[in-house]
Protein backbone atom coordinates (compact mmCIF):
# COMPACT_ATOMS: atom_id res chain seq x y z
CA MET A 1 78.71 32.09 201.12
CA LYS A 2 76.59 35.06 200.16
CA TYR A 3 78.75 35.75 197.10
CA LEU A 4 78.86 32.07 196.19
CA PHE A 5 75.08 31.90 196.18
CA SER A 6 74.88 35.04 194.03
CA PHE A 7 77.47 33.62 191.67
CA ILE A 8 75.59 30.32 191.30
CA PHE A 9 72.35 32.20 190.77
CA LEU A 10 74.00 34.37 188.11
CA LEU A 11 75.39 31.30 186.36
CA ASN A 12 71.92 29.78 186.29
CA VAL A 13 70.45 32.95 184.84
CA ILE A 14 73.14 33.05 182.16
CA PHE A 15 72.73 29.35 181.40
CA TYR A 16 68.97 29.45 181.05
CA SER A 17 69.09 32.75 179.19
CA CYS A 18 71.31 31.12 176.59
CA LEU A 19 69.22 27.97 176.63
CA ILE A 20 66.03 29.72 175.58
CA PHE A 21 67.74 31.09 172.45
CA ILE A 22 69.14 27.76 171.21
CA PRO A 23 67.26 26.18 168.26
CA LEU A 24 65.12 23.27 169.39
CA ASN A 25 65.71 21.11 166.30
CA ASN A 26 62.17 19.88 166.74
CA SER A 27 58.98 20.08 164.71
CA TYR A 28 55.55 20.08 166.33
CA ILE A 29 52.05 21.40 165.86
CA LEU A 30 50.80 22.59 169.25
CA THR A 31 47.03 22.92 169.50
CA ILE A 32 45.44 24.95 172.27
CA SER A 33 41.80 24.05 172.76
CA GLN A 34 39.04 25.54 174.86
CA GLY A 35 39.70 24.79 178.54
CA ASP A 36 43.44 24.04 178.18
CA ASN A 37 45.46 25.48 181.08
CA LEU A 38 49.20 26.13 181.26
CA ASN A 39 49.94 22.77 182.84
CA LYS A 40 48.21 21.05 179.94
CA ILE A 41 50.10 23.17 177.39
CA PHE A 42 53.48 22.60 179.05
CA GLN A 43 52.77 18.87 179.34
CA ASN A 44 51.96 18.63 175.62
CA LEU A 45 55.26 20.35 174.83
CA GLU A 46 57.25 18.20 177.23
CA ASP A 47 55.78 15.07 175.64
CA VAL A 48 57.70 16.01 172.49
CA ASP A 49 60.87 17.05 174.38
CA ILE A 50 60.20 20.80 174.41
CA SER A 51 60.66 21.97 178.00
CA PHE A 52 60.53 25.48 179.36
CA PRO A 53 62.82 26.26 182.35
CA ARG A 54 61.04 26.45 185.69
CA PHE A 55 61.65 30.19 186.09
CA THR A 56 59.89 30.94 182.78
CA LYS A 57 56.85 28.98 183.94
CA ILE A 58 56.81 31.04 187.12
CA LEU A 59 56.96 34.28 185.13
CA ILE A 60 54.19 33.14 182.80
CA ASN A 61 52.00 32.28 185.79
CA LEU A 62 52.91 35.48 187.60
CA PHE A 63 51.87 37.72 184.71
CA GLU A 64 48.80 35.56 183.86
CA ILE A 65 50.01 35.21 180.28
CA ASP A 66 47.89 32.09 179.90
CA ARG A 67 44.79 34.30 179.81
CA LYS A 68 46.15 36.04 176.73
CA LEU A 69 46.77 32.89 174.69
CA SER A 70 44.69 32.45 171.54
CA LEU A 71 43.00 29.15 170.79
CA GLY A 72 44.25 27.39 167.70
CA SER A 73 47.27 25.56 166.30
CA TYR A 74 50.85 26.84 166.43
CA GLU A 75 53.66 25.54 164.24
CA ILE A 76 57.00 24.90 165.94
CA THR A 77 59.88 24.49 163.47
CA PRO A 78 63.42 23.09 164.01
CA ASP A 79 64.87 26.62 163.84
CA ASP A 80 62.63 27.88 166.63
CA SER A 81 64.09 28.45 170.08
CA LEU A 82 62.08 28.46 173.30
CA PHE A 83 62.02 32.24 173.01
CA GLU A 84 60.52 32.00 169.50
CA VAL A 85 57.94 29.50 170.73
CA PHE A 86 56.99 31.89 173.52
CA LYS A 87 56.69 34.76 171.01
CA LYS A 88 54.39 32.69 168.82
CA LEU A 89 52.18 31.76 171.75
CA TYR A 90 52.10 35.24 173.25
CA GLY A 91 51.59 36.88 169.83
CA GLY A 92 48.80 34.51 168.86
CA GLN A 93 50.62 33.41 165.68
CA ILE A 94 48.20 30.60 164.93
CA ILE A 95 48.31 28.59 161.72
CA LEU A 96 45.68 29.86 159.31
CA LYS A 97 44.15 27.46 156.82
CA LYS A 98 42.54 28.42 153.54
CA PHE A 99 38.91 27.63 152.93
CA ILE A 100 38.03 28.10 149.26
CA ILE A 101 34.49 28.61 148.01
CA GLN A 102 34.82 28.31 144.26
CA ASP A 103 32.60 29.97 141.68
CA GLY A 104 29.67 27.68 140.97
CA SER A 105 30.29 25.45 144.00
CA ARG A 106 27.51 23.67 145.88
CA VAL A 107 26.94 23.92 149.63
CA LYS A 108 26.87 20.14 150.13
CA ASN A 109 30.39 19.92 148.67
CA LEU A 110 31.70 22.65 150.97
CA PHE A 111 30.37 22.11 154.49
CA PRO A 112 29.31 18.97 156.35
CA PRO A 113 25.60 18.91 157.28
CA GLU A 114 26.32 19.32 161.00
CA VAL A 115 28.12 22.63 160.38
CA VAL A 116 25.29 23.95 158.21
CA ASN A 117 22.67 22.83 160.76
CA SER A 118 24.58 24.41 163.66
CA PHE A 119 24.86 27.65 161.72
CA CYS A 120 21.16 27.68 160.82
CA GLU A 121 20.18 27.00 164.41
CA SER A 122 22.36 29.91 165.58
CA LYS A 123 20.58 32.14 163.06
CA ASN A 124 17.13 30.79 164.00
CA ILE A 125 16.68 29.49 160.44
CA PRO A 126 14.24 26.56 160.38
CA LEU A 127 15.75 23.19 159.49
CA PRO A 128 16.39 21.92 156.94
CA CYS A 129 17.71 25.25 155.70
CA ASN A 130 18.84 25.86 152.13
CA LEU A 131 21.90 28.09 151.74
CA GLU A 132 22.52 27.26 148.08
CA GLY A 133 23.58 30.35 146.16
CA LEU A 134 23.92 32.43 149.31
CA LEU A 135 27.68 31.98 149.84
CA MET A 136 30.13 34.34 148.16
CA PRO A 137 32.93 32.56 146.28
CA ASP A 138 36.23 33.63 147.81
CA VAL A 139 39.22 32.46 149.87
CA TYR A 140 38.57 32.54 153.61
CA LEU A 141 41.14 32.05 156.38
CA TYR A 142 40.41 30.05 159.52
CA ASP A 143 42.32 28.13 162.19
CA ARG A 144 40.08 25.60 163.95
CA LYS A 145 37.24 23.41 162.76
CA GLU A 146 34.88 25.40 164.98
CA GLU A 147 35.79 28.48 162.94
CA LEU A 148 33.97 27.04 159.90
CA ILE A 149 30.82 28.55 161.39
CA ARG A 150 32.49 31.96 161.16
CA VAL A 151 33.58 31.27 157.57
CA LEU A 152 30.02 30.31 156.72
CA ASN A 153 28.68 33.50 158.28
CA ASN A 154 31.22 35.71 156.49
CA ALA A 155 30.46 34.05 153.15
CA LEU A 156 26.72 34.52 153.70
CA GLU A 157 26.97 38.18 154.69
CA SER A 158 29.34 38.96 151.79
CA GLN A 159 27.06 37.27 149.26
CA LYS A 160 24.06 39.21 150.57
CA LYS A 161 25.95 42.44 149.87
CA ASN A 162 26.81 41.25 146.34
CA ILE A 163 23.19 40.33 145.67
CA ASP A 164 21.98 43.71 146.95
CA LEU A 165 24.52 45.54 144.79
CA ALA A 166 23.63 43.57 141.64
CA TRP A 167 19.94 44.13 142.39
CA LYS A 168 20.45 47.90 142.59
CA GLN A 169 22.25 47.81 139.24
CA ARG A 170 19.59 45.70 137.49
CA ASP A 171 17.91 46.78 134.25
CA ASP A 172 14.22 47.66 133.96
CA LEU A 173 13.72 44.26 132.35
CA LEU A 174 13.75 42.76 135.84
CA ASP A 175 10.91 44.90 137.21
CA ASP A 176 8.64 41.85 137.31
CA TYR A 177 11.26 39.62 138.94
CA SER A 178 12.37 39.24 142.56
CA LYS A 179 15.83 39.46 144.07
CA TYR A 180 15.73 35.71 144.73
CA GLN A 181 14.92 35.04 141.07
CA LEU A 182 17.93 37.12 140.08
CA LEU A 183 20.02 34.85 142.31
CA ILE A 184 18.56 31.74 140.67
CA ILE A 185 19.36 33.06 137.19
CA ALA A 186 22.91 34.00 138.28
CA SER A 187 23.45 30.49 139.65
CA ILE A 188 22.46 29.03 136.26
CA LEU A 189 24.73 31.42 134.36
CA GLU A 190 27.64 30.39 136.57
CA LYS A 191 27.24 26.77 135.49
CA GLU A 192 26.31 27.37 131.84
CA SER A 193 28.96 29.80 130.66
CA CYS A 194 32.15 31.73 131.17
CA LEU A 195 32.11 35.41 132.07
CA ASN A 196 32.52 36.57 128.46
CA GLU A 197 29.11 35.20 127.43
CA ARG A 198 27.03 35.41 130.58
CA LYS A 199 25.09 38.53 129.65
CA ARG A 200 24.22 37.00 126.27
CA ILE A 201 23.06 33.74 127.84
CA SER A 202 21.19 35.78 130.44
CA GLY A 203 19.35 37.33 127.50
CA VAL A 204 18.49 33.85 126.20
CA ILE A 205 17.00 32.92 129.58
CA PHE A 206 14.81 36.02 129.69
CA ASN A 207 13.74 35.57 126.06
CA ARG A 208 12.63 31.99 126.77
CA LEU A 209 10.86 32.98 129.98
CA ASN A 210 9.02 35.80 128.20
CA LYS A 211 7.85 33.35 125.52
CA ASN A 212 6.79 30.80 128.15
CA MET A 213 9.27 28.30 126.74
CA LEU A 214 11.00 25.55 128.67
CA LEU A 215 14.47 26.74 129.70
CA GLN A 216 15.97 23.31 128.90
CA MET A 217 19.18 23.96 130.85
CA ASP A 218 21.39 20.92 131.43
CA SER A 219 22.84 22.43 134.60
CA THR A 220 19.50 22.71 136.40
CA THR A 221 18.49 19.19 135.39
CA ILE A 222 21.80 17.78 136.62
CA TYR A 223 21.37 19.59 139.94
CA GLY A 224 18.05 17.84 140.54
CA LEU A 225 19.37 14.33 139.86
CA LYS A 226 19.92 12.15 142.92
CA SER A 227 23.07 10.72 141.36
CA PHE A 228 25.09 11.84 138.35
CA ASN A 229 28.32 10.42 136.95
CA GLY A 230 29.05 13.21 134.48
CA ASP A 231 27.21 11.72 131.51
CA LEU A 232 23.82 13.36 130.90
CA LYS A 233 21.50 10.88 129.21
CA LYS A 234 18.08 11.26 127.53
CA SER A 235 16.52 9.37 130.43
CA HIS A 236 17.75 12.11 132.78
CA LEU A 237 15.74 14.68 130.83
CA LYS A 238 12.56 12.90 131.94
CA ASP A 239 13.43 13.05 135.64
CA SER A 240 10.55 14.30 137.80
CA SER A 241 12.63 16.80 139.78
CA LEU A 242 11.34 20.39 139.78
CA TYR A 243 14.87 21.38 138.74
CA ASN A 244 14.40 19.55 135.44
CA THR A 245 13.79 22.51 133.13
CA TYR A 246 13.19 20.09 130.23
CA MET A 247 9.98 19.08 131.99
CA HIS A 248 8.93 22.13 134.01
CA LYS A 249 8.49 25.66 132.70
CA GLY A 250 9.88 28.73 134.41
CA LEU A 251 12.83 29.00 136.73
CA PRO A 252 13.78 26.11 139.03
CA PRO A 253 12.65 26.48 142.67
CA GLY A 254 16.04 27.62 143.91
CA PRO A 255 19.68 28.39 143.02
CA ILE A 256 21.84 25.55 141.73
CA SER A 257 25.25 26.97 142.69
CA ASN A 258 27.01 29.79 144.52
CA PRO A 259 27.43 32.42 141.78
CA SER A 260 30.20 34.97 141.47
CA PHE A 261 29.47 38.70 141.45
CA GLY A 262 29.99 38.71 137.68
CA SER A 263 27.14 36.25 137.24
CA LEU A 264 24.90 38.27 139.56
CA VAL A 265 25.53 41.38 137.47
CA ALA A 266 24.92 39.46 134.22
CA ALA A 267 21.63 38.14 135.62
CA GLY A 268 20.49 41.70 136.28
CA GLN A 269 21.83 43.14 133.03
CA PRO A 270 20.92 40.67 130.26
CA GLU A 271 22.00 41.40 126.72
CA ILE A 272 19.09 42.47 124.51
CA HIS A 273 18.82 40.20 121.45
CA LYS A 274 16.49 37.62 119.84
CA TYR A 275 18.48 34.46 120.55
CA LEU A 276 16.52 31.54 121.99
CA PHE A 277 19.06 28.71 121.71
CA PHE A 278 22.77 28.11 122.26
CA VAL A 279 25.12 25.17 122.02
CA ALA A 280 28.76 24.88 123.04
CA ASN A 281 31.22 25.13 120.14
CA GLY A 282 34.37 25.24 122.20
CA LYS A 283 35.65 26.15 125.63
CA CYS A 284 33.86 29.26 126.91
CA SER A 285 32.19 29.69 123.52
CA HIS A 286 28.69 28.99 122.20
CA LYS A 287 26.82 29.14 118.91
CA PHE A 288 23.62 31.17 119.36
CA SER A 289 20.47 30.77 117.25
CA THR A 290 17.13 32.53 116.96
CA ASN A 291 15.17 29.50 115.75
CA TYR A 292 15.09 25.75 116.27
CA ASP A 293 16.17 24.78 112.72
CA ASP A 294 19.39 26.80 112.99
CA HIS A 295 19.95 25.40 116.46
CA SER A 296 19.53 21.83 115.24
CA ARG A 297 22.15 22.40 112.55
CA ALA A 298 24.50 23.88 115.17
CA VAL A 299 23.98 20.89 117.45
CA GLU A 300 24.75 18.54 114.58
CA GLU A 301 27.87 20.50 113.66
CA PHE A 302 29.34 21.07 117.09
CA GLN A 303 27.99 18.19 119.18
CA LEU A 304 26.84 15.18 117.16
CA ASN A 305 29.76 15.16 114.70
CA ARG A 306 32.51 15.55 117.28
């Protein structure tokens, strides 16, 4: 009887040992949330016909492996065995999603208001807080929706470093400007031009500011509109928004986009020239003029006669 029991036990060990290495032929996204215990996790798996043998549950409980599990989502593929599933759980191989902050993006198009408000409250920033321009364009990895707060923080801290670096590299021309004004100019450059012309357009902005001229930037005016369908009309140029640089002199009150590092550098290192006007004459290309008459002819050539 003793040997029979040992034999049966050995057969069970062999059977279950083989079982845990057999592909499951099942696909599932297992999500472990805050407060989930092992029973909850095993139940979620069993609901989709993925069952761990009893002895493995005992081992997992015995070694308190549940305390080492990372919150997040885990992908189970048809080729995975129970052993592979265990490795993914124990190794914290969560699914990472990409969160992309594009050059020239706007905060309202990136994060829902509740995420921004939660972040600002955690940073003791008075509401409503304005983070426009303060997020570094990049690709960020995250797993859960709650992690968007961490993405937001990383983007903010990274952009602060970029702003500080561009500020240290600025030309003497910016001695009378602030770091925040550099950010505003960079946010305009990001929307007005490609990298190849940003320093030249930066020079146009400073030339106009020094002459106390209206900046007359379409991008700032569009930013201030309550609604915009992509077609800028003459009526828009009379909008009362402080971002309407056709109506208000000087820089707008804040950034209009999240600028790249290249735009921050261009804002701090404007090209020295006498240009006061520019008009698009192709993709990533502009015709620059030093006087209004030449500019009018360029507008007629490249815009009105298209």
